[in-house]
C-alpha atoms as a PDB file:
ATOM      1  CA  MET A   1       0.094  -0.045   0.016  1.00  0.00           C
ATOM      2  CA  ALA A   2       2.623   2.497   0.960  1.00  0.00           C
ATOM      3  CA  GLY A   3       3.802   2.072  -2.815  1.00  0.00           C
ATOM      4  CA  ASN A   4       0.685   3.325  -4.249  1.00  0.00           C
ATOM      5  CA  MET A   5       0.484   6.422  -2.031  1.00  0.00           C
ATOM      6  CA  MET A   6       3.505   8.050  -3.876  1.00  0.00           C
ATOM      7  CA  CYS A   7       2.183   7.422  -7.580  1.00  0.00           C
ATOM      8  CA  GLU A   8       1.586   4.805 -10.076  1.00  0.00           C
ATOM      9  CA  GLN A   9       4.303   3.876 -12.593  1.00  0.00           C
ATOM     10  CA  HIS A  10       3.030   3.597 -16.245  1.00  0.00           C
ATOM     11  CA  PRO A  11       4.840   0.651 -18.183  1.00  0.00           C
ATOM     12  CA  GLN A  12       7.808   2.447 -19.601  1.00  0.00           C
ATOM     13  CA  PRO A  13      10.862   1.173 -21.097  1.00  0.00           C
ATOM     14  CA  ARG A  14      13.624  -0.599 -18.574  1.00  0.00           C
ATOM     15  CA  GLY A  15      15.838   2.133 -16.805  1.00  0.00           C
ATOM     16  CA  GLN A  16      12.937   4.243 -15.684  1.00  0.00           C
ATOM     17  CA  LYS A  17      13.619   7.263 -13.650  1.00  0.00           C
ATOM     18  CA  LEU A  18      11.915   8.708 -10.995  1.00  0.00           C
ATOM     19  CA  SER A  19      11.492  12.153 -13.039  1.00  0.00           C
ATOM     20  CA  GLN A  20       9.291  10.257 -15.585  1.00  0.00           C
ATOM     21  CA  MET A  21       6.606   9.191 -13.273  1.00  0.00           C
ATOM     22  CA  THR A  22       3.103  10.325 -13.494  1.00  0.00           C
ATOM     23  CA  LEU A  23       0.186  10.419 -11.139  1.00  0.00           C
ATOM     24  CA  THR A  24      -3.043   9.133 -12.566  1.00  0.00           C
ATOM     25  CA  ALA A  25      -6.686   9.390 -11.070  1.00  0.00           C
ATOM     26  CA  GLU A  26      -6.806   5.797 -10.444  1.00  0.00           C
ATOM     27  CA  SER A  27      -3.670   6.230  -8.160  1.00  0.00           C
ATOM     28  CA  VAL A  28      -5.399   9.091  -6.275  1.00  0.00           C
ATOM     29  CA  GLU A  29      -8.551   6.959  -5.758  1.00  0.00           C
ATOM     30  CA  SER A  30      -6.489   4.246  -4.333  1.00  0.00           C
ATOM     31  CA  VAL A  31      -5.471   6.238  -1.357  1.00  0.00           C
ATOM     32  CA  GLY A  32      -8.783   7.845  -0.686  1.00  0.00           C
ATOM     33  CA  VAL A  33      -7.878  11.509  -1.930  1.00  0.00           C
ATOM     34  CA  GLY A  34     -11.047  11.422  -4.670  1.00  0.00           C
ATOM     35  CA  THR A  35     -12.368   9.168  -7.177  1.00  0.00           C
ATOM     36  CA  PRO A  36     -11.796   9.318 -10.933  1.00  0.00           C
ATOM     37  CA  THR A  37     -15.035  11.099 -11.721  1.00  0.00           C
ATOM     38  CA  SER A  38     -13.408  14.359 -10.164  1.00  0.00           C
ATOM     39  CA  ALA A  39     -12.003  17.085 -11.896  1.00  0.00           C
ATOM     40  CA  ILE A  40      -8.628  15.219 -12.055  1.00  0.00           C
ATOM     41  CA  PRO A  41      -7.738  14.436 -15.481  1.00  0.00           C
ATOM     42  CA  PRO A  42      -6.244  10.709 -16.186  1.00  0.00           C
ATOM     43  CA  LYS A  43      -2.858  12.702 -16.767  1.00  0.00           C
ATOM     44  CA  PHE A  44      -2.029  16.035 -15.339  1.00  0.00           C
ATOM     45  CA  GLY A  45       0.934  17.975 -14.608  1.00  0.00           C
ATOM     46  CA  VAL A  46       4.227  18.571 -16.605  1.00  0.00           C
ATOM     47  CA  ARG A  47       6.205  15.905 -17.411  1.00  0.00           C
ATOM     48  CA  MET A  48       9.717  16.485 -19.178  1.00  0.00           C
ATOM     49  CA  ASP A  49      11.344  13.888 -21.035  1.00  0.00           C
ATOM     50  CA  LEU A  50      15.184  15.536 -20.942  1.00  0.00           C
ATOM     51  CA  ALA A  51      17.094  12.051 -20.808  1.00  0.00           C
ATOM     52  CA  HIS A  52      15.486  11.141 -24.333  1.00  0.00           C
ATOM     53  CA  PHE A  53      15.445  14.286 -25.764  1.00  0.00           C
ATOM     54  CA  PHE A  54      18.996  14.862 -25.254  1.00  0.00           C
ATOM     55  CA  ARG A  55      20.157  11.406 -26.480  1.00  0.00           C
ATOM     56  CA  SER A  56      18.007  11.491 -29.672  1.00  0.00           C
ATOM     57  CA  ASN A  57      19.731  12.647 -32.692  1.00  0.00           C
ATOM     58  CA  GLU A  58      16.698  15.156 -33.506  1.00  0.00           C
ATOM     59  CA  GLY A  59      17.295  16.816 -29.892  1.00  0.00           C
ATOM     60  CA  PHE A  60      20.906  16.965 -30.544  1.00  0.00           C
ATOM     61  CA  LEU A  61      20.079  18.732 -33.918  1.00  0.00           C
ATOM     62  CA  LYS A  62      17.518  21.036 -32.273  1.00  0.00           C
ATOM     63  CA  LEU A  63      20.174  22.095 -29.803  1.00  0.00           C
ATOM     64  CA  LEU A  64      22.521  22.939 -32.120  1.00  0.00           C
ATOM     65  CA  GLN A  65      20.773  24.793 -34.122  1.00  0.00           C
ATOM     66  CA  LEU A  66      19.546  26.759 -31.009  1.00  0.00           C
ATOM     67  CA  ALA A  67      23.214  27.190 -30.153  1.00  0.00           C
ATOM     68  CA  ILE A  68      24.423  28.360 -33.633  1.00  0.00           C
ATOM     69  CA  GLY A  69      21.224  30.660 -33.705  1.00  0.00           C
ATOM     70  CA  VAL A  70      22.269  32.393 -30.675  1.00  0.00           C
ATOM     71  CA  ALA A  71      26.019  32.624 -32.042  1.00  0.00           C
ATOM     72  CA  CYS A  72      24.731  33.832 -35.210  1.00  0.00           C
ATOM     73  CA  VAL A  73      22.692  36.635 -33.112  1.00  0.00           C
ATOM     74  CA  ALA A  74      25.981  37.485 -30.818  1.00  0.00           C
ATOM     75  CA  CYS A  75      28.154  37.807 -33.653  1.00  0.00           C
ATOM     76  CA  ALA A  76      25.909  39.835 -35.530  1.00  0.00           C
ATOM     77  CA  ALA A  77      24.408  41.928 -33.023  1.00  0.00           C
ATOM     78  CA  PRO A  78      26.965  44.557 -31.793  1.00  0.00           C
ATOM     79  CA  ALA A  79      25.175  47.153 -34.626  1.00  0.00           C
ATOM     80  CA  LEU A  80      27.916  49.804 -34.000  1.00  0.00           C
ATOM     81  CA  ILE A  81      30.192  50.538 -36.921  1.00  0.00           C
ATOM     82  CA  ASP A  82      32.729  53.315 -36.074  1.00  0.00           C
ATOM     83  CA  GLY A  83      30.789  54.389 -32.964  1.00  0.00           C
ATOM     84  CA  THR A  84      27.506  54.727 -35.216  1.00  0.00           C
ATOM     85  CA  TYR A  85      24.424  52.373 -35.768  1.00  0.00           C
ATOM     86  CA  ASP A  86      24.837  52.685 -39.325  1.00  0.00           C
ATOM     87  CA  LEU A  87      24.619  48.979 -40.721  1.00  0.00           C
ATOM     88  CA  PRO A  88      23.505  48.160 -44.315  1.00  0.00           C
ATOM     89  CA  ALA A  89      19.877  46.973 -44.757  1.00  0.00           C
ATOM     90  CA  GLY A  90      20.770  43.414 -45.151  1.00  0.00           C
ATOM     91  CA  SER A  91      22.462  43.157 -41.748  1.00  0.00           C
ATOM     92  CA  TYR A  92      19.167  44.484 -40.104  1.00  0.00           C
ATOM     93  CA  TRP A  93      17.434  41.355 -42.476  1.00  0.00           C
ATOM     94  CA  PHE A  94      19.975  39.306 -41.069  1.00  0.00           C
ATOM     95  CA  ILE A  95      19.490  40.176 -37.403  1.00  0.00           C
ATOM     96  CA  ALA A  96      15.665  39.965 -37.567  1.00  0.00           C
ATOM     97  CA  ALA A  97      15.627  36.506 -39.404  1.00  0.00           C
ATOM     98  CA  THR A  98      17.792  35.227 -36.864  1.00  0.00           C
ATOM     99  CA  VAL A  99      16.394  36.401 -33.692  1.00  0.00           C
ATOM    100  CA  PHE A 100      12.800  35.232 -35.305  1.00  0.00           C
ATOM    101  CA  SER A 101      14.472  31.574 -36.049  1.00  0.00           C
ATOM    102  CA  VAL A 102      15.971  31.293 -32.780  1.00  0.00           C
ATOM    103  CA  VAL A 103      12.658  32.329 -30.602  1.00  0.00           C
ATOM    104  CA  LEU A 104      11.181  29.580 -32.806  1.00  0.00           C
ATOM    105  CA  THR A 105      13.406  26.999 -32.371  1.00  0.00           C
ATOM    106  CA  PHE A 106      13.243  27.531 -28.686  1.00  0.00           C
ATOM    107  CA  ILE A 107       9.888  27.135 -28.698  1.00  0.00           C
ATOM    108  CA  TRP A 108      10.040  24.013 -30.630  1.00  0.00           C
ATOM    109  CA  VAL A 109      12.524  22.461 -27.927  1.00  0.00           C
ATOM    110  CA  LEU A 110      10.136  23.254 -25.109  1.00  0.00           C
ATOM    111  CA  ILE A 111       7.256  21.442 -27.225  1.00  0.00           C
ATOM    112  CA  TYR A 112       9.953  18.217 -27.348  1.00  0.00           C
ATOM    113  CA  LEU A 113      10.986  18.649 -23.568  1.00  0.00           C
ATOM    114  CA  LEU A 114       7.532  19.045 -22.215  1.00  0.00           C
ATOM    115  CA  CYS A 115       5.964  16.294 -24.418  1.00  0.00           C
ATOM    116  CA  PHE A 116       3.182  18.375 -26.029  1.00  0.00           C
ATOM    117  CA  LYS A 117       3.413  16.321 -28.530  1.00  0.00           C
ATOM    118  CA  GLU A 118       2.226  13.115 -26.839  1.00  0.00           C
ATOM    119  CA  ARG A 119      -0.536  15.123 -25.290  1.00  0.00           C
ATOM    120  CA  ALA A 120      -2.013  16.603 -28.374  1.00  0.00           C
ATOM    121  CA  ARG A 121      -1.966  13.436 -30.725  1.00  0.00           C
ATOM    122  CA  LYS A 122      -4.694  14.644 -33.075  1.00  0.00           C
ATOM    123  CA  PHE A 123      -2.499  17.738 -34.058  1.00  0.00           C
ATOM    124  CA  PRO A 124      -0.252  16.784 -37.173  1.00  0.00           C
ATOM    125  CA  TRP A 125       2.885  17.695 -35.504  1.00  0.00           C
ATOM    126  CA  SER A 126       5.203  16.233 -38.151  1.00  0.00           C
ATOM    127  CA  LEU A 127       3.676  17.823 -40.857  1.00  0.00           C
ATOM    128  CA  PHE A 128       3.715  21.378 -39.045  1.00  0.00           C
ATOM    129  CA  GLU A 129       7.480  20.606 -37.959  1.00  0.00           C
ATOM    130  CA  THR A 130       8.078  20.052 -41.681  1.00  0.00           C
ATOM    131  CA  LEU A 131       6.777  23.144 -42.645  1.00  0.00           C
ATOM    132  CA  LEU A 132       8.615  25.051 -39.903  1.00  0.00           C
ATOM    133  CA  VAL A 133      12.178  23.437 -41.212  1.00  0.00           C
ATOM    134  CA  ILE A 134      11.951  24.516 -44.324  1.00  0.00           C
ATOM    135  CA  CYS A 135      10.468  28.047 -43.266  1.00  0.00           C
ATOM    136  CA  LEU A 136      13.533  28.282 -41.047  1.00  0.00           C
ATOM    137  CA  ALA A 137      16.181  26.746 -43.297  1.00  0.00           C
ATOM    138  CA  ILE A 138      14.858  29.369 -46.267  1.00  0.00           C
ATOM    139  CA  LEU A 139      15.398  32.242 -43.538  1.00  0.00           C
ATOM    140  CA  TYR A 140      18.907  31.188 -42.533  1.00  0.00           C
ATOM    141  CA  ALA A 141      19.790  30.692 -46.234  1.00  0.00           C
ATOM    142  CA  SER A 142      18.587  34.195 -47.417  1.00  0.00           C
ATOM    143  CA  ALA A 143      19.806  36.071 -44.266  1.00  0.00           C
ATOM    144  CA  GLY A 144      23.137  34.222 -44.312  1.00  0.00           C
ATOM    145  CA  ILE A 145      23.507  34.752 -48.007  1.00  0.00           C
ATOM    146  CA  ALA A 146      22.632  38.615 -47.618  1.00  0.00           C
ATOM    147  CA  GLN A 147      24.907  38.907 -44.736  1.00  0.00           C
ATOM    148  CA  LEU A 148      27.819  37.290 -46.523  1.00  0.00           C
ATOM    149  CA  VAL A 149      27.189  39.471 -49.900  1.00  0.00           C
ATOM    150  CA  ILE A 150      27.154  42.435 -48.251  1.00  0.00           C
ATOM    151  CA  TRP A 151      30.079  42.175 -45.577  1.00  0.00           C
ATOM    152  CA  SER A 152      32.548  40.449 -47.924  1.00  0.00           C
ATOM    153  CA  SER A 153      32.517  43.268 -50.392  1.00  0.00           C
ATOM    154  CA  ALA A 154      32.180  46.120 -47.288  1.00  0.00           C
ATOM    155  CA  PRO A 155      35.650  48.261 -46.459  1.00  0.00           C
ATOM    156  CA  TYR A 156      37.211  47.119 -43.715  1.00  0.00           C
ATOM    157  CA  SER A 157      35.304  47.679 -40.069  1.00  0.00           C
ATOM    158  CA  ASP A 158      35.944  46.662 -36.746  1.00  0.00           C
ATOM    159  CA  VAL A 159      33.080  44.380 -37.085  1.00  0.00           C
ATOM    160  CA  LYS A 160      33.388  42.873 -40.484  1.00  0.00           C
ATOM    161  CA  GLU A 161      34.825  39.368 -39.405  1.00  0.00           C
ATOM    162  CA  GLU A 162      32.265  38.646 -36.808  1.00  0.00           C
ATOM    163  CA  ASN A 163      29.778  39.777 -39.384  1.00  0.00           C
ATOM    164  CA  ILE A 164      31.174  37.291 -41.926  1.00  0.00           C
ATOM    165  CA  ILE A 165      31.262  34.734 -39.151  1.00  0.00           C
ATOM    166  CA  ALA A 166      27.782  35.102 -38.399  1.00  0.00           C
ATOM    167  CA  GLY A 167      26.907  34.871 -42.070  1.00  0.00           C
ATOM    168  CA  SER A 168      28.669  31.303 -42.401  1.00  0.00           C
ATOM    169  CA  LEU A 169      27.265  30.167 -39.299  1.00  0.00           C
ATOM    170  CA  ALA A 170      23.891  30.946 -40.567  1.00  0.00           C
ATOM    171  CA  LEU A 171      24.758  28.966 -43.660  1.00  0.00           C
ATOM    172  CA  PHE A 172      25.702  25.964 -41.463  1.00  0.00           C
ATOM    173  CA  ASN A 173      22.541  26.165 -39.598  1.00  0.00           C
ATOM    174  CA  VAL A 174      20.747  25.428 -43.154  1.00  0.00           C
ATOM    175  CA  VAL A 175      22.676  22.358 -43.256  1.00  0.00           C
ATOM    176  CA  CYS A 176      21.478  21.561 -39.717  1.00  0.00           C
ATOM    177  CA  HIS A 177      17.904  22.304 -40.917  1.00  0.00           C
ATOM    178  CA  SER A 178      18.320  20.249 -43.886  1.00  0.00           C
ATOM    179  CA  VAL A 179      19.268  17.327 -41.754  1.00  0.00           C
ATOM    180  CA  SER A 180      16.232  17.863 -39.351  1.00  0.00           C
ATOM    181  CA  LEU A 181      14.100  17.943 -42.321  1.00  0.00           C
ATOM    182  CA  TYR A 182      15.199  14.517 -43.450  1.00  0.00           C
ATOM    183  CA  TYR A 183      14.014  13.379 -39.818  1.00  0.00           C
ATOM    184  CA  ALA A 184      10.954  15.293 -40.087  1.00  0.00           C
ATOM    185  CA  MET A 185       9.856  14.214 -43.399  1.00  0.00           C
ATOM    186  CA  SER A 186      10.704  10.699 -42.762  1.00  0.00           C
ATOM    187  CA  ARG A 187       8.794  10.737 -39.492  1.00  0.00           C
ATOM    188  CA  TRP A 188       5.738  12.407 -41.437  1.00  0.00           C
ATOM    189  CA  CYS A 189       5.733   9.629 -44.206  1.00  0.00           C
ATOM    190  CA  LYS A 190       5.605   7.061 -41.661  1.00  0.00           C
ATOM    191  CA  GLU A 191       2.644   8.710 -40.288  1.00  0.00           C
ATOM    192  CA  LEU A 192       0.842   9.022 -43.643  1.00  0.00           C
ATOM    193  CA  ASN A 193       1.669   5.092 -44.544  1.00  0.00           C
ATOM    194  CA  ALA A 194       0.149   4.136 -41.133  1.00  0.00           C
ATOM    195  CA  GLU A 195      -3.365   6.054 -41.567  1.00  0.00           C
END
């Protein structure tokens, strides 16, 4: 009986950690706290799947995309050129596109970490992720090319090297998004074939 007072463990793969255990309405009823017909849903609370996310190829790619995106913003963000905020127009596009992409990638990492994909199974997550990765790859490609074209032909300034590095990192992030697109498309095709 003492084992039921804490929480009920659902069948999970071997090596189950305590952090992945969930509390169900049946386990609450068994200790006399409430009934299954009360306001307690079958699964509630936030479940984080850190171990699986960090060990998977897709999780590693998402974290790599996030780190490269932050590095792109950090390299291009010093908007001062010789004491003024006179950046070429393409640099403003680069900063806007990379910040937007970093925010969307961070939100997608949270969706993975907090297991929202498992909770809302009726939503077409794989299709949405495929479209999102395509859009982010196009954003990074256009912004990286614009950044490299503008700064490679610019006269020397204090921030020329940083901006060229930022453009190169953006193109490397396109490669990471392309690999991520492969995983998303293969998962989406498996879901279409299963239906």
